[in-house]
């Protein structure tokens, strides 16, 4: 675990920083986020979930005293929660048919498909941790990087693109 401590500590700090950017983005466009079926509100919620997963798991993974199997169990529980939240956030937005199929597909891609691919990668890493494979931390780390890429794109869109609409 020693080699991974710096990575997970940096990951936690980066997630906290991006949460700050997310809060700034929502404050800039507060009126847009009042509608519960708003795609921008959904994008902000999905991004917050992604960053919370990164932050919480990063801090947990650097805590001493837990076996690899216990770490794998926690990763699985957190992923299940994130998937549940992702579906709950996505459903009201995708039900709105007013902007057409292309819009629903785009929303589904950013709100559901990409995060779920990253969560699937986290599940693979968790299974490896349950089996006691230390190399599975590389899979978990890769999933964190994938989630960061999604969160950075989403946060940037929330800062820049909301005003354009």
Protein backbone atom coordinates (compact mmCIF):
# COMPACT_ATOMS: atom_id res chain seq x y z
CA UNK A 1 0.00 0.00 0.00
CA UNK A 2 2.91 2.34 0.68
CA UNK A 3 3.48 3.27 -2.96
CA UNK A 4 -0.21 4.05 -3.41
CA UNK A 5 -0.59 6.32 -0.38
CA UNK A 6 0.71 9.38 -2.22
CA UNK A 7 -1.57 8.70 -5.19
CA UNK A 8 -4.67 8.35 -3.02
CA UNK A 9 -3.76 11.40 -0.90
CA UNK A 10 -3.34 13.44 -4.08
CA UNK A 11 -6.61 12.04 -5.38
CA UNK A 12 -8.45 13.14 -2.23
CA UNK A 13 -6.99 16.64 -2.48
CA UNK A 14 -7.85 16.90 -6.17
CA UNK A 15 -11.42 15.77 -5.54
CA UNK A 16 -11.82 18.38 -2.80
CA UNK A 17 -10.51 21.06 -5.16
CA UNK A 18 -12.92 20.07 -7.92
CA UNK A 19 -15.82 20.10 -5.44
CA UNK A 20 -14.89 23.74 -4.80
CA UNK A 21 -15.07 24.43 -8.54
CA UNK A 22 -18.44 22.69 -8.65
CA UNK A 23 -19.75 24.92 -5.85
CA UNK A 24 -18.54 28.02 -7.71
CA UNK A 25 -20.26 26.81 -10.88
CA UNK A 26 -23.55 26.29 -9.09
CA UNK A 27 -23.34 29.68 -7.39
CA UNK A 28 -22.78 31.40 -10.74
CA UNK A 29 -25.98 29.91 -12.18
CA UNK A 30 -28.15 29.24 -9.14
CA UNK A 31 -31.46 29.79 -10.95
CA UNK A 32 -30.73 27.01 -13.44
CA UNK A 33 -30.33 24.41 -10.71
CA UNK A 34 -33.71 24.96 -9.03
CA UNK A 35 -35.59 22.71 -11.47
CA UNK A 36 -35.25 19.06 -10.30
CA UNK A 37 -35.45 17.81 -13.89
CA UNK A 38 -32.82 20.26 -15.16
CA UNK A 39 -30.06 18.61 -17.12
CA UNK A 40 -27.58 21.07 -15.61
CA UNK A 41 -28.73 20.18 -12.12
CA UNK A 42 -28.39 16.50 -12.96
CA UNK A 43 -24.90 17.09 -14.36
CA UNK A 44 -23.92 18.89 -11.15
CA UNK A 45 -25.33 16.08 -8.98
CA UNK A 46 -23.61 13.34 -10.98
CA UNK A 47 -20.34 15.28 -10.80
CA UNK A 48 -20.70 15.71 -7.04
CA UNK A 49 -21.34 11.97 -6.69
CA UNK A 50 -18.25 11.16 -8.75
CA UNK A 51 -16.09 13.50 -6.69
CA UNK A 52 -17.54 12.18 -3.42
CA UNK A 53 -16.67 8.64 -4.50
CA UNK A 54 -13.13 9.71 -5.37
CA UNK A 55 -12.70 11.71 -2.18
CA UNK A 56 -14.19 9.17 0.22
CA UNK A 57 -12.53 6.12 -1.27
CA UNK A 58 -9.18 7.88 -1.56
CA UNK A 59 -9.21 8.75 2.12
CA UNK A 60 -10.38 5.28 3.08
CA UNK A 61 -7.72 3.57 0.97
CA UNK A 62 -4.89 5.38 2.77
CA UNK A 63 -6.20 4.50 6.22
CA UNK A 64 -3.92 1.96 7.88
CA UNK A 65 -5.08 -1.25 9.48
CA UNK A 66 -7.52 -2.60 6.89
CA UNK A 67 -7.00 -5.76 4.91
CA UNK A 68 -7.21 -5.73 1.13
CA UNK A 69 -10.47 -7.68 1.37
CA UNK A 70 -12.00 -5.06 3.67
CA UNK A 71 -10.93 -2.36 1.23
CA UNK A 72 -12.56 -4.30 -1.59
CA UNK A 73 -15.79 -4.62 0.40
CA UNK A 74 -15.95 -0.87 1.00
CA UNK A 75 -15.24 -0.10 -2.66
CA UNK A 76 -18.12 -2.40 -3.68
CA UNK A 77 -20.55 -0.77 -1.24
CA UNK A 78 -19.59 2.73 -2.40
CA UNK A 79 -19.97 1.74 -6.06
CA UNK A 80 -23.43 0.30 -5.40
CA UNK A 81 -24.45 3.57 -3.76
CA UNK A 82 -23.00 5.60 -6.65
CA UNK A 83 -24.83 3.48 -9.24
CA UNK A 84 -28.10 3.88 -7.34
CA UNK A 85 -27.59 7.66 -7.18
CA UNK A 86 -26.65 7.81 -10.84
CA UNK A 87 -29.86 6.11 -11.90
CA UNK A 88 -31.96 8.32 -9.60
CA UNK A 89 -30.37 11.46 -11.03
CA UNK A 90 -30.54 10.29 -14.66
CA UNK A 91 -34.15 9.10 -14.70
CA UNK A 92 -36.00 12.47 -14.38
CA UNK A 93 -33.81 14.04 -17.06
CA UNK A 94 -34.13 11.20 -19.57
CA UNK A 95 -37.92 11.06 -19.08
CA UNK A 96 -38.19 14.56 -20.50
CA UNK A 97 -38.79 13.92 -24.16
CA UNK A 98 -39.15 17.54 -25.15
CA UNK A 99 -35.67 17.94 -26.63
CA UNK A 100 -35.59 14.76 -28.68
CA UNK A 101 -33.73 11.49 -28.85
CA UNK A 102 -30.33 13.02 -29.58
CA UNK A 103 -30.52 15.10 -26.41
CA UNK A 104 -31.54 12.07 -24.32
CA UNK A 105 -28.66 10.03 -25.74
CA UNK A 106 -26.15 12.80 -24.98
CA UNK A 107 -27.49 13.14 -21.44
CA UNK A 108 -27.42 9.40 -20.92
CA UNK A 109 -23.83 9.26 -22.14
CA UNK A 110 -22.51 11.83 -19.65
CA UNK A 111 -24.86 11.10 -16.76
CA UNK A 112 -24.94 7.32 -16.91
CA UNK A 113 -22.78 5.50 -19.46
CA UNK A 114 -19.34 6.98 -18.79
CA UNK A 115 -19.64 7.01 -14.99
CA UNK A 116 -20.93 3.43 -15.06
CA UNK A 117 -17.95 2.31 -17.14
CA UNK A 118 -15.66 3.84 -14.52
CA UNK A 119 -17.69 2.20 -11.74
CA UNK A 120 -17.36 -1.14 -13.55
CA UNK A 121 -13.60 -0.62 -13.52
CA UNK A 122 -13.80 0.07 -9.77
CA UNK A 123 -15.76 -3.17 -9.31
CA UNK A 124 -13.00 -5.08 -11.15
CA UNK A 125 -10.45 -3.52 -8.82
CA UNK A 126 -12.58 -4.36 -5.78
CA UNK A 127 -12.86 -7.99 -6.87
CA UNK A 128 -9.09 -8.13 -7.15
CA UNK A 129 -8.75 -6.60 -3.69
CA UNK A 130 -11.18 -9.19 -2.31
CA UNK A 131 -8.90 -11.86 -3.75
CA UNK A 132 -5.90 -10.25 -2.04
CA UNK A 133 -4.22 -8.96 -5.20
CA UNK A 134 -2.27 -5.80 -4.40
CA UNK A 135 -1.89 -5.08 -8.13
CA UNK A 136 -5.66 -4.40 -8.21
CA UNK A 137 -4.89 -1.00 -6.74
CA UNK A 138 -3.72 -0.05 -10.24
CA UNK A 139 -7.20 -0.85 -11.55
CA UNK A 140 -8.77 1.24 -8.79
CA UNK A 141 -6.33 4.08 -9.51
CA UNK A 142 -7.15 3.92 -13.21
CA UNK A 143 -10.85 4.12 -12.43
CA UNK A 144 -10.18 7.17 -10.25
CA UNK A 145 -8.39 8.86 -13.15
CA UNK A 146 -11.31 8.02 -15.46
CA UNK A 147 -13.75 9.48 -12.93
CA UNK A 148 -11.61 12.62 -12.62
CA UNK A 149 -11.64 13.11 -16.37
CA UNK A 150 -15.45 12.90 -16.39
CA UNK A 151 -15.74 15.25 -13.38
CA UNK A 152 -13.36 17.81 -14.89
CA UNK A 153 -15.30 17.86 -18.15
CA UNK A 154 -18.61 18.18 -16.31
CA UNK A 155 -17.39 20.92 -13.97
CA UNK A 156 -15.97 22.87 -16.90
CA UNK A 157 -19.27 22.60 -18.78
CA UNK A 158 -21.13 23.81 -15.70
CA UNK A 159 -18.91 26.89 -15.46
CA UNK A 160 -18.77 27.77 -19.16
CA UNK A 161 -21.78 26.34 -20.99
CA UNK A 162 -24.76 27.11 -18.77
CA UNK A 163 -24.78 30.78 -19.82
CA UNK A 164 -24.75 29.83 -23.50
CA UNK A 165 -28.18 28.31 -23.13
